[in-house]
Amino acid sequence: MTGATKGIGREIARQFGELGWIVVVGGRDLGRAEAVVKELAADGVEAAAVRVEVNDAQTSKEAAGWIEQTYGRLDVLVNNAAIIPDGDGPVSEVPVEALRAGFETNVLGLVATTQAMLPLLRRAERARVVNLSTELSSLTRVGDPESRMSSVLTTGYNASKAAVNMVTVMLANELRADGILVNAADPGNCATDMGGWDAPRTPAQGAAVAVRLATLPADGPTGQLHAEEGRLPW
């Protein structure tokens, strides 16, 4: 998974390890990824670290090559790496550079990483792709003046995550015949660097949504946005 060195990503790695899975911890800082691997190993989890800087497609290709040589396939890809770009704000004020940074990481980086990993996913018997999204990507929720989502004015983040939803649906349509389920996960507002440490949900609660989607049966839903309490409207 990408962005696995802290917050929800690190917790997803831990929960995968509890299932007995081999976990590949991807991070843009290899040293931090290796530190997480040591933490997991202390808990009896088999894990390995790879450098994946989603804004550098070459790192994703190199990571895919290493996974191929080491394991031969990839059963689950979790695209967790994302940013709220510096300077993000309302449409009338947000710098174009902030919008570009949000889309570069949250959308283009996700697509490049997924493309690099697809050959490995196709080798798995029942591969899964889980893209981390957010309630702030829901046109229905953000468009409702009565919803608290309508007052969160992070245009770059919200718009890029709405694009992630479209990528998710299109990829689900493309891979359905291959038996690969693709879904987006809404972890909710969790206590992390991004969500703020006073957020109401724990990283463990947010991670559980992604883990549930990664373990769906073959006839499970695909191309949807899921939260702990069920599917959210787009």
C-alpha atoms as a PDB file:
ATOM      1  CA  MET A   1       0.000   0.000   0.000  1.00  0.00           C
ATOM      2  CA  THR A   2       1.042   3.593  -0.524  1.00  0.00           C
ATOM      3  CA  GLY A   3       1.266   6.142   2.257  1.00  0.00           C
ATOM      4  CA  ALA A   4       1.683   3.385   4.823  1.00  0.00           C
ATOM      5  CA  THR A   5       4.148   5.042   7.187  1.00  0.00           C
ATOM      6  CA  LYS A   6       1.661   6.808   9.448  1.00  0.00           C
ATOM      7  CA  GLY A   7      -1.975   7.359  10.314  1.00  0.00           C
ATOM      8  CA  ILE A   8      -4.608   5.276   8.581  1.00  0.00           C
ATOM      9  CA  GLY A   9      -2.077   3.692   6.212  1.00  0.00           C
ATOM     10  CA  ARG A  10       0.042   2.313   9.037  1.00  0.00           C
ATOM     11  CA  GLU A  11      -3.080   1.026  10.755  1.00  0.00           C
ATOM     12  CA  ILE A  12      -4.244  -0.718   7.567  1.00  0.00           C
ATOM     13  CA  ALA A  13      -0.850  -2.423   7.446  1.00  0.00           C
ATOM     14  CA  ARG A  14      -1.242  -3.584  11.037  1.00  0.00           C
ATOM     15  CA  GLN A  15      -4.740  -4.948  10.448  1.00  0.00           C
ATOM     16  CA  PHE A  16      -3.613  -6.779   7.313  1.00  0.00           C
ATOM     17  CA  GLY A  17      -0.847  -8.327   9.407  1.00  0.00           C
ATOM     18  CA  GLU A  18      -3.398  -9.521  11.949  1.00  0.00           C
ATOM     19  CA  LEU A  19      -5.039 -11.456   9.119  1.00  0.00           C
ATOM     20  CA  GLY A  20      -1.770 -13.284   8.547  1.00  0.00           C
ATOM     21  CA  TRP A  21      -0.992 -11.449   5.313  1.00  0.00           C
ATOM     22  CA  ILE A  22       2.449 -10.445   4.087  1.00  0.00           C
ATOM     23  CA  VAL A  23       2.397  -6.649   4.093  1.00  0.00           C
ATOM     24  CA  VAL A  24       4.383  -4.447   1.705  1.00  0.00           C
ATOM     25  CA  VAL A  25       4.725  -1.035   3.328  1.00  0.00           C
ATOM     26  CA  GLY A  26       5.104   1.686   0.718  1.00  0.00           C
ATOM     27  CA  GLY A  27       6.324   5.134   1.646  1.00  0.00           C
ATOM     28  CA  ARG A  28       8.081   8.037  -0.003  1.00  0.00           C
ATOM     29  CA  ASP A  29      10.643   7.904   2.834  1.00  0.00           C
ATOM     30  CA  LEU A  30      12.180   4.424   2.819  1.00  0.00           C
ATOM     31  CA  GLY A  31      13.610   4.878   6.302  1.00  0.00           C
ATOM     32  CA  ARG A  32      10.168   5.531   7.763  1.00  0.00           C
ATOM     33  CA  ALA A  33       8.732   2.559   5.884  1.00  0.00           C
ATOM     34  CA  GLU A  34      11.478   0.358   7.322  1.00  0.00           C
ATOM     35  CA  ALA A  35      10.681   1.641  10.815  1.00  0.00           C
ATOM     36  CA  VAL A  36       7.047   0.573  10.377  1.00  0.00           C
ATOM     37  CA  VAL A  37       8.213  -2.847   9.192  1.00  0.00           C
ATOM     38  CA  LYS A  38      10.210  -3.222  12.424  1.00  0.00           C
ATOM     39  CA  GLU A  39       7.145  -2.300  14.474  1.00  0.00           C
ATOM     40  CA  LEU A  40       5.070  -4.870  12.606  1.00  0.00           C
ATOM     41  CA  ALA A  41       7.749  -7.530  12.949  1.00  0.00           C
ATOM     42  CA  ALA A  42       7.721  -7.024  16.729  1.00  0.00           C
ATOM     43  CA  ASP A  43       4.057  -8.018  16.599  1.00  0.00           C
ATOM     44  CA  GLY A  44       4.796 -11.102  14.525  1.00  0.00           C
ATOM     45  CA  VAL A  45       3.787  -9.616  11.163  1.00  0.00           C
ATOM     46  CA  GLU A  46       5.753 -10.509   8.044  1.00  0.00           C
ATOM     47  CA  ALA A  47       6.357  -7.234   6.219  1.00  0.00           C
ATOM     48  CA  ALA A  48       8.721  -5.509   3.822  1.00  0.00           C
ATOM     49  CA  ALA A  49       9.400  -1.883   2.929  1.00  0.00           C
ATOM     50  CA  VAL A  50       9.541  -0.306  -0.509  1.00  0.00           C
ATOM     51  CA  ARG A  51       9.949   3.281  -1.605  1.00  0.00           C
ATOM     52  CA  VAL A  52       6.918   4.585  -3.476  1.00  0.00           C
ATOM     53  CA  GLU A  53       6.775   8.306  -4.155  1.00  0.00           C
ATOM     54  CA  VAL A  54       3.524   8.530  -6.089  1.00  0.00           C
ATOM     55  CA  ASN A  55       4.639  11.724  -7.832  1.00  0.00           C
ATOM     56  CA  ASP A  56       7.599   9.808  -9.261  1.00  0.00           C
ATOM     57  CA  ALA A  57       6.208   7.022 -11.451  1.00  0.00           C
ATOM     58  CA  GLN A  58       9.627   5.401 -11.680  1.00  0.00           C
ATOM     59  CA  THR A  59       9.512   4.508  -7.977  1.00  0.00           C
ATOM     60  CA  SER A  60       6.215   2.691  -8.514  1.00  0.00           C
ATOM     61  CA  LYS A  61       7.700   0.755 -11.436  1.00  0.00           C
ATOM     62  CA  GLU A  62      10.734  -0.171  -9.353  1.00  0.00           C
ATOM     63  CA  ALA A  63       8.529  -1.243  -6.450  1.00  0.00           C
ATOM     64  CA  ALA A  64       6.457  -3.396  -8.808  1.00  0.00           C
ATOM     65  CA  GLY A  65       9.618  -5.011 -10.121  1.00  0.00           C
ATOM     66  CA  TRP A  66      10.781  -5.815  -6.605  1.00  0.00           C
ATOM     67  CA  ILE A  67       7.386  -7.283  -5.659  1.00  0.00           C
ATOM     68  CA  GLU A  68       7.435  -9.422  -8.811  1.00  0.00           C
ATOM     69  CA  GLN A  69      10.888 -10.792  -8.036  1.00  0.00           C
ATOM     70  CA  THR A  70      10.097 -11.367  -4.358  1.00  0.00           C
ATOM     71  CA  TYR A  71       6.484 -12.568  -4.321  1.00  0.00           C
ATOM     72  CA  GLY A  72       5.419 -13.038  -7.937  1.00  0.00           C
ATOM     73  CA  ARG A  73       2.043 -11.364  -7.535  1.00  0.00           C
ATOM     74  CA  LEU A  74       0.074  -8.739  -5.631  1.00  0.00           C
ATOM     75  CA  ASP A  75      -3.263  -9.681  -4.061  1.00  0.00           C
ATOM     76  CA  VAL A  76      -4.362  -6.270  -2.846  1.00  0.00           C
ATOM     77  CA  LEU A  77      -3.375  -2.718  -3.752  1.00  0.00           C
ATOM     78  CA  VAL A  78      -4.375   0.025  -1.335  1.00  0.00           C
ATOM     79  CA  ASN A  79      -3.906   3.543  -2.733  1.00  0.00           C
ATOM     80  CA  ASN A  80      -3.751   5.539   0.482  1.00  0.00           C
ATOM     81  CA  ALA A  81      -1.195   8.288  -0.232  1.00  0.00           C
ATOM     82  CA  ALA A  82      -2.870  11.690  -0.474  1.00  0.00           C
ATOM     83  CA  ILE A  83      -2.425  15.323   0.501  1.00  0.00           C
ATOM     84  CA  ILE A  84      -4.408  18.410   1.323  1.00  0.00           C
ATOM     85  CA  PRO A  85      -2.264  20.796  -0.722  1.00  0.00           C
ATOM     86  CA  ASP A  86      -0.677  23.840   0.883  1.00  0.00           C
ATOM     87  CA  GLY A  87      -2.827  26.902   0.318  1.00  0.00           C
ATOM     88  CA  ASP A  88      -5.994  24.901  -0.335  1.00  0.00           C
ATOM     89  CA  GLY A  89      -9.174  26.909   0.084  1.00  0.00           C
ATOM     90  CA  PRO A  90     -12.425  28.082  -1.516  1.00  0.00           C
ATOM     91  CA  VAL A  91     -12.743  28.196  -5.290  1.00  0.00           C
ATOM     92  CA  SER A  92     -12.566  31.994  -5.378  1.00  0.00           C
ATOM     93  CA  GLU A  93      -9.188  32.024  -3.605  1.00  0.00           C
ATOM     94  CA  VAL A  94      -7.358  28.723  -4.065  1.00  0.00           C
ATOM     95  CA  PRO A  95      -4.097  29.111  -6.025  1.00  0.00           C
ATOM     96  CA  VAL A  96      -3.955  27.111  -9.230  1.00  0.00           C
ATOM     97  CA  GLU A  97      -0.670  25.676  -7.953  1.00  0.00           C
ATOM     98  CA  ALA A  98      -2.506  24.145  -4.976  1.00  0.00           C
ATOM     99  CA  LEU A  99      -5.082  22.573  -7.278  1.00  0.00           C
ATOM    100  CA  ARG A 100      -2.316  21.183  -9.463  1.00  0.00           C
ATOM    101  CA  ALA A 101      -0.484  19.722  -6.455  1.00  0.00           C
ATOM    102  CA  GLY A 102      -3.663  18.050  -5.196  1.00  0.00           C
ATOM    103  CA  PHE A 103      -4.389  16.419  -8.526  1.00  0.00           C
ATOM    104  CA  GLU A 104      -0.748  15.431  -9.096  1.00  0.00           C
ATOM    105  CA  THR A 105      -0.612  13.421  -5.877  1.00  0.00           C
ATOM    106  CA  ASN A 106      -4.183  12.331  -5.284  1.00  0.00           C
ATOM    107  CA  VAL A 107      -5.188  11.443  -8.852  1.00  0.00           C
ATOM    108  CA  LEU A 108      -2.228  11.192 -11.220  1.00  0.00           C
ATOM    109  CA  GLY A 109      -0.044   9.506  -8.620  1.00  0.00           C
ATOM    110  CA  LEU A 110      -2.772   7.013  -7.836  1.00  0.00           C
ATOM    111  CA  VAL A 111      -3.267   6.180 -11.522  1.00  0.00           C
ATOM    112  CA  ALA A 112       0.464   5.793 -12.177  1.00  0.00           C
ATOM    113  CA  THR A 113       0.892   3.498  -9.176  1.00  0.00           C
ATOM    114  CA  THR A 114      -2.113   1.404 -10.163  1.00  0.00           C
ATOM    115  CA  GLN A 115      -0.849   1.038 -13.728  1.00  0.00           C
ATOM    116  CA  ALA A 116       2.510  -0.169 -12.435  1.00  0.00           C
ATOM    117  CA  MET A 117       0.878  -2.776 -10.169  1.00  0.00           C
ATOM    118  CA  LEU A 118      -1.806  -4.068 -12.545  1.00  0.00           C
ATOM    119  CA  PRO A 119       0.274  -6.876 -14.097  1.00  0.00           C
ATOM    120  CA  LEU A 120       0.919  -8.219 -10.587  1.00  0.00           C
ATOM    121  CA  LEU A 121      -2.739  -7.912  -9.598  1.00  0.00           C
ATOM    122  CA  ARG A 122      -3.772  -9.857 -12.686  1.00  0.00           C
ATOM    123  CA  ARG A 123      -1.600 -12.747 -11.478  1.00  0.00           C
ATOM    124  CA  ALA A 124      -3.565 -13.035  -8.238  1.00  0.00           C
ATOM    125  CA  GLU A 125      -6.561 -15.331  -7.937  1.00  0.00           C
ATOM    126  CA  ARG A 126      -8.892 -12.695  -6.446  1.00  0.00           C
ATOM    127  CA  ALA A 127      -7.193  -9.334  -6.522  1.00  0.00           C
ATOM    128  CA  ARG A 128      -8.641  -6.227  -4.900  1.00  0.00           C
ATOM    129  CA  VAL A 129      -7.957  -2.510  -5.328  1.00  0.00           C
ATOM    130  CA  VAL A 130      -8.996  -0.085  -2.607  1.00  0.00           C
ATOM    131  CA  ASN A 131      -8.693   3.659  -3.193  1.00  0.00           C
ATOM    132  CA  LEU A 132      -8.948   5.887  -0.139  1.00  0.00           C
ATOM    133  CA  SER A 133     -11.548   8.573  -0.726  1.00  0.00           C
ATOM    134  CA  THR A 134     -13.627  10.810   1.534  1.00  0.00           C
ATOM    135  CA  GLU A 135     -17.124  12.026   2.252  1.00  0.00           C
ATOM    136  CA  LEU A 136     -15.867  15.391   0.980  1.00  0.00           C
ATOM    137  CA  SER A 137     -15.831  13.863  -2.520  1.00  0.00           C
ATOM    138  CA  SER A 138     -19.585  13.258  -2.495  1.00  0.00           C
ATOM    139  CA  LEU A 139     -21.445  15.739  -4.707  1.00  0.00           C
ATOM    140  CA  THR A 140     -24.608  14.925  -2.782  1.00  0.00           C
ATOM    141  CA  ARG A 141     -23.132  15.632   0.647  1.00  0.00           C
ATOM    142  CA  VAL A 142     -21.106  18.695  -0.289  1.00  0.00           C
ATOM    143  CA  GLY A 143     -24.034  20.053  -2.308  1.00  0.00           C
ATOM    144  CA  ASP A 144     -26.409  19.854   0.662  1.00  0.00           C
ATOM    145  CA  PRO A 145     -26.433  23.233   2.474  1.00  0.00           C
ATOM    146  CA  GLU A 146     -27.551  21.444   5.650  1.00  0.00           C
ATOM    147  CA  SER A 147     -24.533  19.125   5.612  1.00  0.00           C
ATOM    148  CA  ARG A 148     -21.368  20.025   7.509  1.00  0.00           C
ATOM    149  CA  MET A 149     -19.511  18.891   4.366  1.00  0.00           C
ATOM    150  CA  SER A 150     -20.742  22.007   2.551  1.00  0.00           C
ATOM    151  CA  SER A 151     -18.675  24.231   4.847  1.00  0.00           C
ATOM    152  CA  VAL A 152     -15.324  22.487   4.258  1.00  0.00           C
ATOM    153  CA  LEU A 153     -13.738  24.671   1.586  1.00  0.00           C
ATOM    154  CA  THR A 154     -10.724  22.598   0.539  1.00  0.00           C
ATOM    155  CA  THR A 155     -11.299  22.772  -3.207  1.00  0.00           C
ATOM    156  CA  GLY A 156      -8.115  20.991  -4.262  1.00  0.00           C
ATOM    157  CA  TYR A 157      -8.653  18.078  -1.910  1.00  0.00           C
ATOM    158  CA  ASN A 158     -12.397  17.707  -2.491  1.00  0.00           C
ATOM    159  CA  ALA A 159     -12.183  17.977  -6.278  1.00  0.00           C
ATOM    160  CA  SER A 160      -9.228  15.608  -6.574  1.00  0.00           C
ATOM    161  CA  LYS A 161     -10.968  13.003  -4.431  1.00  0.00           C
ATOM    162  CA  ALA A 162     -14.108  13.338  -6.565  1.00  0.00           C
ATOM    163  CA  ALA A 163     -11.836  12.537  -9.511  1.00  0.00           C
ATOM    164  CA  VAL A 164     -10.554   9.509  -7.584  1.00  0.00           C
ATOM    165  CA  ASN A 165     -14.153   8.293  -7.369  1.00  0.00           C
ATOM    166  CA  MET A 166     -14.499   8.477 -11.155  1.00  0.00           C
ATOM    167  CA  VAL A 167     -11.187   6.675 -11.636  1.00  0.00           C
ATOM    168  CA  THR A 168     -12.429   4.014  -9.217  1.00  0.00           C
ATOM    169  CA  VAL A 169     -15.647   3.430 -11.156  1.00  0.00           C
ATOM    170  CA  MET A 170     -13.892   3.346 -14.516  1.00  0.00           C
ATOM    171  CA  LEU A 171     -11.232   0.946 -13.253  1.00  0.00           C
ATOM    172  CA  ALA A 172     -13.920  -1.264 -11.713  1.00  0.00           C
ATOM    173  CA  ASN A 173     -15.688  -1.435 -15.068  1.00  0.00           C
ATOM    174  CA  GLU A 174     -12.413  -2.238 -16.835  1.00  0.00           C
ATOM    175  CA  LEU A 175     -11.338  -5.005 -14.446  1.00  0.00           C
ATOM    176  CA  ARG A 176     -14.688  -6.588 -13.581  1.00  0.00           C
ATOM    177  CA  ALA A 177     -14.296  -9.314 -16.206  1.00  0.00           C
ATOM    178  CA  ASP A 178     -10.903 -10.177 -14.692  1.00  0.00           C
ATOM    179  CA  GLY A 179     -12.496 -10.799 -11.299  1.00  0.00           C
ATOM    180  CA  ILE A 180     -10.671  -7.832  -9.737  1.00  0.00           C
ATOM    181  CA  LEU A 181     -12.906  -5.824  -7.405  1.00  0.00           C
ATOM    182  CA  VAL A 182     -12.210  -2.093  -7.199  1.00  0.00           C
ATOM    183  CA  ASN A 183     -13.791   0.143  -4.570  1.00  0.00           C
ATOM    184  CA  ALA A 184     -13.246   3.456  -2.798  1.00  0.00           C
ATOM    185  CA  ALA A 185     -13.193   3.634   0.976  1.00  0.00           C
ATOM    186  CA  ASP A 186     -14.357   6.540   3.107  1.00  0.00           C
ATOM    187  CA  PRO A 187     -12.556   6.117   6.443  1.00  0.00           C
ATOM    188  CA  GLY A 188     -14.403   9.037   7.998  1.00  0.00           C
ATOM    189  CA  ASN A 189     -12.779  11.911   9.882  1.00  0.00           C
ATOM    190  CA  CYS A 190      -9.986  10.197  11.812  1.00  0.00           C
ATOM    191  CA  ALA A 191      -7.470  11.505  14.325  1.00  0.00           C
ATOM    192  CA  THR A 192      -4.403  11.862  12.096  1.00  0.00           C
ATOM    193  CA  ASP A 193      -2.111  14.603  10.825  1.00  0.00           C
ATOM    194  CA  MET A 194      -4.566  15.211   7.993  1.00  0.00           C
ATOM    195  CA  GLY A 195      -7.819  14.821   9.887  1.00  0.00           C
ATOM    196  CA  GLY A 196      -6.708  16.678  13.014  1.00  0.00           C
ATOM    197  CA  TRP A 197      -6.019  15.044  16.343  1.00  0.00           C
ATOM    198  CA  ASP A 198      -9.399  16.060  17.753  1.00  0.00           C
ATOM    199  CA  ALA A 199     -11.285  14.117  15.053  1.00  0.00           C
ATOM    200  CA  PRO A 200     -13.989  11.752  16.351  1.00  0.00           C
ATOM    201  CA  ARG A 201     -12.773   8.489  14.762  1.00  0.00           C
ATOM    202  CA  THR A 202      -9.599   6.544  15.428  1.00  0.00           C
ATOM    203  CA  PRO A 203      -7.175   5.446  12.708  1.00  0.00           C
ATOM    204  CA  ALA A 204      -8.158   1.861  13.533  1.00  0.00           C
ATOM    205  CA  GLN A 205     -11.808   2.610  12.766  1.00  0.00           C
ATOM    206  CA  GLY A 206     -10.894   4.286   9.495  1.00  0.00           C
ATOM    207  CA  ALA A 207      -8.558   1.473   8.476  1.00  0.00           C
ATOM    208  CA  ALA A 208     -11.227  -1.149   9.101  1.00  0.00           C
ATOM    209  CA  VAL A 209     -13.256   0.203   6.170  1.00  0.00           C
ATOM    210  CA  ALA A 210     -10.389  -0.349   3.725  1.00  0.00           C
ATOM    211  CA  VAL A 211      -9.577  -3.770   5.178  1.00  0.00           C
ATOM    212  CA  ARG A 212     -13.205  -4.850   4.791  1.00  0.00           C
ATOM    213  CA  LEU A 213     -13.135  -3.897   1.108  1.00  0.00           C
ATOM    214  CA  ALA A 214      -9.824  -5.710   0.623  1.00  0.00           C
ATOM    215  CA  THR A 215     -11.385  -8.934   1.902  1.00  0.00           C
ATOM    216  CA  LEU A 216     -14.643  -8.862  -0.076  1.00  0.00           C
ATOM    217  CA  PRO A 217     -15.889 -12.167  -1.494  1.00  0.00           C
ATOM    218  CA  ALA A 218     -15.823 -12.718  -5.246  1.00  0.00           C
ATOM    219  CA  ASP A 219     -19.445 -11.563  -5.587  1.00  0.00           C
ATOM    220  CA  GLY A 220     -18.873  -8.425  -3.531  1.00  0.00           C
ATOM    221  CA  PRO A 221     -19.778  -4.923  -4.734  1.00  0.00           C
ATOM    222  CA  THR A 222     -17.417  -3.011  -6.974  1.00  0.00           C
ATOM    223  CA  GLY A 223     -16.990   0.591  -8.054  1.00  0.00           C
ATOM    224  CA  GLN A 224     -18.639   1.959  -4.915  1.00  0.00           C
ATOM    225  CA  LEU A 225     -17.766   4.348  -2.101  1.00  0.00           C
ATOM    226  CA  HIS A 226     -18.056   2.692   1.290  1.00  0.00           C
ATOM    227  CA  ALA A 227     -17.988   3.978   4.826  1.00  0.00           C
ATOM    228  CA  GLU A 228     -18.310   2.146   8.130  1.00  0.00           C
ATOM    229  CA  GLU A 229     -22.072   2.551   8.107  1.00  0.00           C
ATOM    230  CA  GLY A 230     -22.541   1.625   4.451  1.00  0.00           C
ATOM    231  CA  ARG A 231     -22.396   3.116   0.995  1.00  0.00           C
ATOM    232  CA  LEU A 232     -22.319   6.869   0.671  1.00  0.00           C
ATOM    233  CA  PRO A 233     -23.976   8.682  -2.234  1.00  0.00           C
ATOM    234  CA  TRP A 234     -21.633   9.994  -4.886  1.00  0.00           C
END
